Amino acid sequence: MLKAHGDYILPENVPANEFLNLEGDKISTSRNWAVWLHEYLVDFVDQQDALRYVLTANAPETKDNDFAWKDFQARNNNELLAILGNFVNRVLVLTSKYYGGKVPKPNKLLEVDKAILDEIVNSKKQVEAQLDVFRFRDALKEAMNLARAGNKYLTDTEPWKMVKVDPERVKTIMYVCLQVTANLSVICEPFLPFTAKKIRDFLGIHDISWKDAGKISFLSEGHATFEPSLLFRKIEDAEIQAQVDKLHKTKEESSKTASVTPQKEEVTFDDFGKMDIRVGTILEAEKVANTTKLMKLKIDTGIDQRTVVSGIAEYYKPDEVIGKQVCILVNLKPRPLKGIESKGMILMAQQSDGKLVFVSPTIITNNGAEVR
């Protein structure tokens, strides 16, 4: 109807992610198995972008993924700090040391210089291409590749050594590095907005937009930069262990104080008597295609052998339940589920962590025995 109306812009693509787990378990705010943002911002002051970075790098775009505190630490220390932060800091410190914070005038460009300038142009194109198809994880990777390329260029050209033998060559090297740094302040902004602003403040550039990215002469000769501070800090083992310990402690406390579902309204004995609950044995089991929760069971109820569809596939594999004795409500009105007629319902208990467990007789009982 909206399309026929003609005045509405309808979505052409609706991207959706899979699930993000936490330390190998499902995120659950009711069980306090979660990372609370207000607590994170207290424990990791001015580290908003570190969390943004890890969540984007681990985005469950095509399959379930996991957030782990150790991985958070490793990505911050080995990627943000060691690659992006290290490059920007070295460039600005050397610019301050050699040229009083002013952008030097470049000389003849060598092939290695032209290659890194080409990387600037290519980086913008690659990030845009990934963002256009909602691949944020790959877009972030492309942005970080520019920082990696800049780091390699700086390490390979060694201006701290070259300045002693060819100071004119160093002007070109630092000019190129400053162009990379300026572009990083724009290209990284969709993922690291606080970091991007810090870099622009160091460079003394403002009022820029995405269209400015990709320029190989972003900063002009003589442009003044400012004394830098560290973009990221190293996260220590003790900080990470504290987060892991807090997570497990709150989970334990939550499980101890887990609320019990309130009692439902009273029923009469006659109401209860209408339910025909029997002991049955699962003969066959298989997952229902294109579902995550449903399992198709064939159960011997003592009365007959019937098909029941049950939402236990998240917690049990088919071969784990075959031969299991269960309690089954046999006179429940049949209903179709995913094209399968389900004739009955097996009784399950739900634990405080959400897992379903079987309600079964403690000893082997004949199929068809009534539960009273």
Protein backbone atom coordinates (compact mmCIF):
# COMPACT_ATOMS: atom_id res chain seq x y z
CA MET A 1 0.00 0.00 0.00
CA LEU A 2 2.84 2.40 0.83
CA LYS A 3 4.54 1.59 -2.46
CA ALA A 4 1.32 2.16 -4.38
CA HIS A 5 0.86 5.49 -2.62
CA GLY A 6 4.09 6.67 -4.23
CA ASP A 7 5.14 9.35 -1.72
CA TYR A 8 7.05 7.13 0.69
CA ILE A 9 10.67 6.02 0.55
CA LEU A 10 10.66 2.33 1.38
CA PRO A 11 13.71 0.39 2.61
CA GLU A 12 15.56 -1.52 -0.08
CA ASN A 13 17.78 -3.40 2.33
CA VAL A 14 17.17 -4.24 5.98
CA PRO A 15 20.45 -5.50 7.47
CA ALA A 16 20.23 -7.70 10.55
CA ASN A 17 22.89 -9.22 12.77
CA GLU A 18 23.11 -12.54 14.56
CA PHE A 19 23.64 -12.75 18.35
CA LEU A 20 26.51 -11.29 20.37
CA ASN A 21 27.39 -13.37 23.42
CA LEU A 22 29.39 -12.35 26.49
CA GLU A 23 32.26 -14.51 27.74
CA GLY A 24 30.78 -17.56 26.01
CA ASP A 25 27.27 -17.15 27.44
CA LYS A 26 24.12 -15.41 26.26
CA ILE A 27 23.79 -11.79 27.34
CA SER A 28 21.01 -11.52 29.92
CA THR A 29 20.21 -8.33 31.80
CA SER A 30 17.86 -10.22 34.13
CA ARG A 31 20.78 -12.45 35.20
CA ASN A 32 23.14 -9.46 35.22
CA TRP A 33 25.28 -11.21 32.62
CA ALA A 34 25.99 -8.00 30.80
CA VAL A 35 28.41 -5.09 30.46
CA TRP A 36 26.58 -2.03 31.76
CA LEU A 37 27.57 1.10 29.88
CA HIS A 38 27.39 3.49 32.84
CA GLU A 39 29.72 1.20 34.82
CA TYR A 40 32.11 0.85 31.88
CA LEU A 41 32.43 4.62 31.57
CA VAL A 42 33.41 4.84 35.24
CA ASP A 43 35.94 1.98 35.06
CA PHE A 44 37.39 3.05 31.70
CA VAL A 45 37.34 6.84 31.70
CA ASP A 46 37.58 8.41 28.21
CA GLN A 47 37.76 4.94 26.66
CA GLN A 48 34.44 5.13 24.79
CA ASP A 49 36.08 4.49 21.46
CA ALA A 50 37.88 1.38 22.68
CA LEU A 51 34.50 -0.24 23.33
CA ARG A 52 33.10 1.04 20.04
CA TYR A 53 36.10 -0.41 18.23
CA VAL A 54 35.85 -3.88 19.78
CA LEU A 55 32.08 -4.11 19.33
CA THR A 56 32.42 -3.15 15.67
CA ALA A 57 35.38 -5.47 15.07
CA ASN A 58 33.41 -8.33 16.68
CA ALA A 59 30.05 -7.46 15.13
CA PRO A 60 28.04 -10.68 14.57
CA GLU A 61 27.18 -9.73 11.01
CA THR A 62 27.02 -13.25 9.55
CA LYS A 63 27.22 -15.53 12.58
CA ASP A 64 27.07 -15.40 16.37
CA ASN A 65 30.11 -13.81 17.96
CA ASP A 66 31.50 -13.31 21.45
CA PHE A 67 32.65 -10.34 23.52
CA ALA A 68 35.45 -11.36 25.88
CA TRP A 69 37.33 -9.00 28.18
CA LYS A 70 40.69 -10.52 27.23
CA ASP A 71 39.96 -9.87 23.57
CA PHE A 72 38.92 -6.31 24.45
CA GLN A 73 42.29 -5.80 26.15
CA ALA A 74 44.23 -7.34 23.26
CA ARG A 75 42.50 -5.24 20.60
CA ASN A 76 42.99 -2.05 22.59
CA ASN A 77 46.66 -2.69 23.35
CA ASN A 78 47.74 -4.38 20.12
CA GLU A 79 45.64 -2.49 17.59
CA LEU A 80 44.34 0.87 18.81
CA LEU A 81 47.36 1.68 20.97
CA ALA A 82 50.16 -0.04 19.04
CA ILE A 83 48.99 0.81 15.52
CA LEU A 84 46.74 3.88 15.32
CA GLY A 85 47.82 5.63 18.52
CA ASN A 86 51.50 4.88 17.99
CA PHE A 87 51.50 6.19 14.43
CA VAL A 88 49.72 9.47 15.21
CA ASN A 89 51.89 10.12 18.26
CA ARG A 90 55.18 9.46 16.45
CA VAL A 91 54.22 11.68 13.51
CA LEU A 92 53.26 14.65 15.67
CA VAL A 93 56.19 14.28 18.06
CA LEU A 94 58.68 14.20 15.17
CA THR A 95 56.97 17.15 13.48
CA SER A 96 57.29 19.13 16.70
CA LYS A 97 60.90 18.08 17.19
CA TYR A 98 62.15 18.78 13.65
CA TYR A 99 59.93 21.63 12.44
CA GLY A 100 58.47 23.29 15.54
CA GLY A 101 55.08 21.72 14.83
CA LYS A 102 54.81 23.17 11.30
CA VAL A 103 54.03 21.10 8.18
CA PRO A 104 57.29 20.98 6.18
CA LYS A 105 57.61 21.64 2.46
CA PRO A 106 57.96 18.34 0.57
CA ASN A 107 60.64 17.68 -2.03
CA LYS A 108 60.66 15.12 -4.82
CA LEU A 109 58.30 12.20 -4.20
CA LEU A 110 59.79 8.74 -4.48
CA GLU A 111 57.81 5.64 -5.43
CA VAL A 112 57.41 4.67 -1.78
CA ASP A 113 55.87 8.10 -1.10
CA LYS A 114 53.50 7.86 -4.04
CA ALA A 115 52.42 4.39 -2.91
CA ILE A 116 51.35 5.55 0.55
CA LEU A 117 49.55 8.57 -0.95
CA ASP A 118 47.68 6.16 -3.22
CA GLU A 119 46.71 4.25 -0.08
CA ILE A 120 44.96 7.39 1.19
CA VAL A 121 42.75 7.61 -1.89
CA ASN A 122 42.09 3.87 -1.95
CA SER A 123 41.27 3.76 1.76
CA LYS A 124 38.41 6.21 1.41
CA LYS A 125 36.97 4.24 -1.54
CA GLN A 126 37.21 0.93 0.32
CA VAL A 127 35.59 2.27 3.50
CA GLU A 128 32.76 3.83 1.49
CA ALA A 129 32.19 0.60 -0.45
CA GLN A 130 31.85 -1.42 2.75
CA LEU A 131 29.63 1.13 4.49
CA ASP A 132 27.31 1.23 1.48
CA VAL A 133 26.54 -2.46 1.95
CA PHE A 134 26.40 -2.23 5.77
CA ARG A 135 29.58 -4.23 6.35
CA PHE A 136 30.74 -2.13 9.27
CA ARG A 137 33.29 -4.67 10.45
CA ASP A 138 35.04 -4.71 7.08
CA ALA A 139 34.79 -0.92 6.82
CA LEU A 140 36.59 -0.55 10.14
CA LYS A 141 39.25 -2.99 8.98
CA GLU A 142 39.87 -0.89 5.87
CA ALA A 143 40.19 2.27 7.99
CA MET A 144 42.72 0.58 10.25
CA ASN A 145 44.63 -0.65 7.20
CA LEU A 146 45.50 2.98 6.44
CA ALA A 147 46.98 3.33 9.94
CA ARG A 148 48.91 0.09 9.42
CA ALA A 149 50.23 1.35 6.09
CA GLY A 150 51.26 4.64 7.71
CA ASN A 151 53.05 2.82 10.50
CA LYS A 152 54.94 0.64 8.03
CA TYR A 153 55.90 3.64 5.90
CA LEU A 154 57.24 5.49 8.93
CA THR A 155 59.16 2.44 10.15
CA ASP A 156 60.62 1.68 6.73
CA THR A 157 61.72 5.24 5.97
CA GLU A 158 63.21 5.80 9.47
CA PRO A 159 63.19 9.63 9.51
CA TRP A 160 64.93 9.64 12.92
CA LYS A 161 67.96 8.12 11.19
CA MET A 162 67.54 9.85 7.84
CA VAL A 163 67.52 13.31 9.42
CA LYS A 164 71.24 12.93 10.16
CA VAL A 165 72.23 12.22 6.54
CA ASP A 166 69.47 13.70 4.36
CA PRO A 167 67.29 16.25 6.22
CA GLU A 168 65.58 17.33 2.98
CA ARG A 169 64.31 13.79 2.44
CA VAL A 170 62.83 13.81 5.95
CA LYS A 171 60.69 16.83 5.05
CA THR A 172 58.97 14.78 2.38
CA ILE A 173 58.55 11.79 4.70
CA MET A 174 56.96 13.86 7.44
CA TYR A 175 54.78 15.75 4.97
CA VAL A 176 53.40 12.43 3.69
CA CYS A 177 52.87 11.11 7.23
CA LEU A 178 50.94 14.23 8.19
CA GLN A 179 48.64 13.78 5.17
CA VAL A 180 47.95 10.20 6.30
CA THR A 181 47.25 11.41 9.84
CA ALA A 182 44.82 14.08 8.64
CA ASN A 183 42.94 11.54 6.54
CA LEU A 184 42.75 9.14 9.46
CA SER A 185 40.95 11.84 11.45
CA VAL A 186 38.13 11.71 8.90
CA ILE A 187 38.11 8.07 7.83
CA CYS A 188 38.06 6.79 11.42
CA GLU A 189 35.27 9.12 12.54
CA PRO A 190 32.31 6.79 11.79
CA PHE A 191 33.82 4.25 14.20
CA LEU A 192 35.98 6.32 16.57
CA PRO A 193 34.37 9.78 16.83
CA PHE A 194 36.14 10.86 20.03
CA THR A 195 39.51 9.74 18.68
CA ALA A 196 38.91 11.50 15.36
CA LYS A 197 38.21 14.77 17.17
CA LYS A 198 41.39 14.43 19.25
CA ILE A 199 43.47 13.94 16.11
CA ARG A 200 41.89 16.98 14.47
CA ASP A 201 42.58 19.01 17.60
CA PHE A 202 46.24 17.92 17.48
CA LEU A 203 46.40 18.94 13.82
CA GLY A 204 44.50 22.17 14.29
CA ILE A 205 41.92 21.38 11.63
CA HIS A 206 38.16 21.91 12.01
CA ASP A 207 35.00 22.27 9.94
CA ILE A 208 35.81 19.27 7.77
CA SER A 209 33.54 16.56 6.45
CA TRP A 210 33.70 13.19 4.74
CA LYS A 211 34.23 14.80 1.34
CA ASP A 212 37.61 16.02 2.59
CA ALA A 213 38.84 12.44 3.03
CA GLY A 214 41.11 11.08 0.32
CA LYS A 215 42.99 14.34 -0.24
CA ILE A 216 46.73 13.81 -0.60
CA SER A 217 47.42 17.48 0.19
CA PHE A 218 45.09 17.79 3.18
CA LEU A 219 47.53 19.94 5.18
CA SER A 220 49.35 22.79 3.47
CA GLU A 221 52.98 23.76 3.97
CA GLY A 222 53.48 25.79 7.16
CA HIS A 223 50.23 24.67 8.78
CA ALA A 224 50.70 24.61 12.57
CA THR A 225 50.05 21.47 14.63
CA PHE A 226 49.85 21.14 18.41
CA GLU A 227 51.58 19.07 21.07
CA PRO A 228 49.91 15.64 21.14
CA SER A 229 48.82 13.50 24.05
CA LEU A 230 48.27 9.76 23.93
CA LEU A 231 45.14 8.73 22.00
CA PHE A 232 44.81 5.47 23.93
CA ARG A 233 46.24 4.05 27.13
CA LYS A 234 47.39 0.54 27.85
CA ILE A 235 44.81 -1.58 29.65
CA GLU A 236 46.42 -3.70 32.36
CA ASP A 237 45.73 -7.34 33.25
CA ALA A 238 44.43 -6.38 36.70
CA GLU A 239 41.71 -4.18 35.17
CA ILE A 240 40.51 -6.99 32.94
CA GLN A 241 40.56 -9.56 35.74
CA ALA A 242 38.48 -7.18 37.86
CA GLN A 243 35.85 -7.03 35.10
CA VAL A 244 35.77 -10.81 34.71
CA ASP A 245 35.52 -11.29 38.48
CA LYS A 246 32.72 -8.72 38.75
CA LEU A 247 30.83 -10.38 35.95
CA HIS A 248 30.95 -13.81 37.55
CA LYS A 249 30.20 -12.44 41.01
CA THR A 250 27.08 -10.60 39.90
CA LYS A 251 25.98 -13.67 37.97
CA GLU A 252 26.28 -15.82 41.10
CA GLU A 253 24.43 -13.26 43.22
CA SER A 254 21.75 -12.96 40.59
CA SER A 255 21.21 -16.71 40.47
CA LYS A 256 20.89 -16.83 44.28
CA THR A 257 18.27 -14.11 44.35
CA ALA A 258 16.54 -15.06 41.11
CA SER A 259 12.85 -14.30 41.39
CA VAL A 260 10.36 -17.13 41.18
CA THR A 261 7.40 -16.73 38.87
CA PRO A 262 4.33 -15.82 40.98
CA GLN A 263 1.66 -18.43 41.50
CA LYS A 264 -1.06 -18.42 38.88
CA GLU A 265 -4.71 -18.10 39.84
CA GLU A 266 -6.35 -21.08 41.50
CA VAL A 267 -8.01 -23.87 39.55
CA THR A 268 -10.41 -26.56 40.75
CA PHE A 269 -9.60 -30.25 41.01
CA ASP A 270 -11.95 -30.82 38.09
CA ASP A 271 -9.92 -28.35 36.00
CA PHE A 272 -6.76 -30.25 36.79
CA GLY A 273 -8.49 -33.55 36.17
CA LYS A 274 -9.13 -32.58 32.57
CA MET A 275 -5.41 -32.76 31.83
CA ASP A 276 -4.23 -36.22 30.78
CA ILE A 277 -0.51 -36.39 31.55
CA ARG A 278 1.29 -39.65 30.76
CA VAL A 279 4.81 -41.04 30.82
CA GLY A 280 6.23 -41.55 27.35
CA THR A 281 9.55 -42.43 25.72
CA ILE A 282 11.20 -40.43 22.94
CA LEU A 283 11.83 -42.81 20.02
CA GLU A 284 13.11 -40.37 17.38
CA ALA A 285 14.30 -36.76 17.35
CA GLU A 286 15.43 -34.23 14.74
CA LYS A 287 15.81 -30.47 14.53
CA VAL A 288 13.12 -28.61 12.61
CA ALA A 289 14.70 -27.02 9.54
CA ASN A 290 15.22 -23.23 9.52
CA THR A 291 14.56 -22.88 13.26
CA THR A 292 16.86 -22.54 16.27
CA LYS A 293 14.53 -23.73 19.03
CA LEU A 294 12.25 -26.41 17.62
CA MET A 295 12.82 -30.15 17.66
CA LYS A 296 10.50 -32.78 16.14
CA LEU A 297 10.00 -35.76 18.47
CA LYS A 298 8.34 -39.13 17.98
CA ILE A 299 7.04 -40.32 21.36
CA ASP A 300 5.60 -43.65 22.49
CA THR A 301 2.84 -42.58 24.91
CA GLY A 302 1.62 -46.09 25.68
CA ILE A 303 -1.57 -45.08 23.92
CA ASP A 304 0.05 -44.56 20.54
CA GLN A 305 3.17 -43.23 18.86
CA ARG A 306 2.79 -39.57 18.00
CA THR A 307 4.68 -36.51 16.80
CA VAL A 308 5.33 -33.61 19.19
CA VAL A 309 7.19 -30.40 18.34
CA SER A 310 9.06 -28.98 21.33
CA GLY A 311 11.19 -25.86 21.86
CA ILE A 312 14.21 -27.68 23.31
CA ALA A 313 16.68 -27.57 20.42
CA GLU A 314 18.67 -24.72 22.03
CA TYR A 315 19.53 -26.94 24.99
CA TYR A 316 19.65 -30.51 23.68
CA LYS A 317 20.90 -32.32 20.60
CA PRO A 318 18.64 -34.93 19.00
CA ASP A 319 20.88 -37.86 19.92
CA GLU A 320 20.87 -36.73 23.58
CA VAL A 321 17.11 -37.12 24.01
CA ILE A 322 16.42 -40.38 22.17
CA GLY A 323 15.40 -43.00 24.75
CA LYS A 324 14.55 -40.31 27.34
CA GLN A 325 11.36 -40.83 29.35
CA VAL A 326 9.25 -37.68 29.62
CA CYS A 327 5.94 -36.49 30.95
CA ILE A 328 3.59 -35.53 28.12
CA LEU A 329 0.19 -33.83 28.06
CA VAL A 330 -1.54 -36.14 25.61
CA ASN A 331 -4.97 -34.52 25.34
CA LEU A 332 -3.74 -31.09 24.26
CA LYS A 333 -5.51 -30.00 21.09
CA PRO A 334 -3.19 -30.62 18.09
CA ARG A 335 -1.69 -27.53 16.44
CA PRO A 336 0.54 -27.00 13.38
CA LEU A 337 4.09 -25.75 13.99
CA LYS A 338 6.27 -25.04 10.94
CA GLY A 339 4.04 -27.28 8.86
CA ILE A 340 4.22 -30.17 11.37
CA GLU A 341 1.13 -31.21 13.37
CA SER A 342 2.13 -31.39 17.02
CA LYS A 343 -0.04 -33.73 19.11
CA GLY A 344 0.76 -32.96 22.71
CA MET A 345 3.27 -31.14 24.86
CA ILE A 346 6.13 -32.47 26.97
CA LEU A 347 6.61 -31.00 30.45
CA MET A 348 9.82 -29.01 31.03
CA ALA A 349 11.13 -27.02 34.00
CA GLN A 350 12.94 -23.72 33.38
CA GLN A 351 16.04 -23.02 35.47
CA SER A 352 17.06 -19.57 36.69
CA ASP A 353 19.55 -19.31 33.80
CA GLY A 354 16.73 -19.95 31.32
CA LYS A 355 17.71 -23.51 30.42
CA LEU A 356 14.91 -26.04 30.02
CA VAL A 357 15.25 -29.41 31.79
CA PHE A 358 13.08 -32.50 31.51
CA VAL A 359 10.40 -33.40 34.06
CA SER A 360 10.90 -37.17 34.10
CA PRO A 361 10.19 -40.15 36.36
CA THR A 362 13.12 -41.06 38.63
CA ILE A 363 12.89 -44.74 37.65
CA ILE A 364 11.98 -46.40 34.35
CA THR A 365 8.19 -46.46 34.14
CA ASN A 366 5.89 -48.13 31.68
CA ASN A 367 4.79 -45.90 28.83
CA GLY A 368 1.25 -44.64 29.32
CA ALA A 369 1.49 -44.45 33.13
CA GLU A 370 -0.68 -41.56 34.29
CA VAL A 371 0.80 -38.63 36.19
CA ARG A 372 -1.54 -37.80 39.09
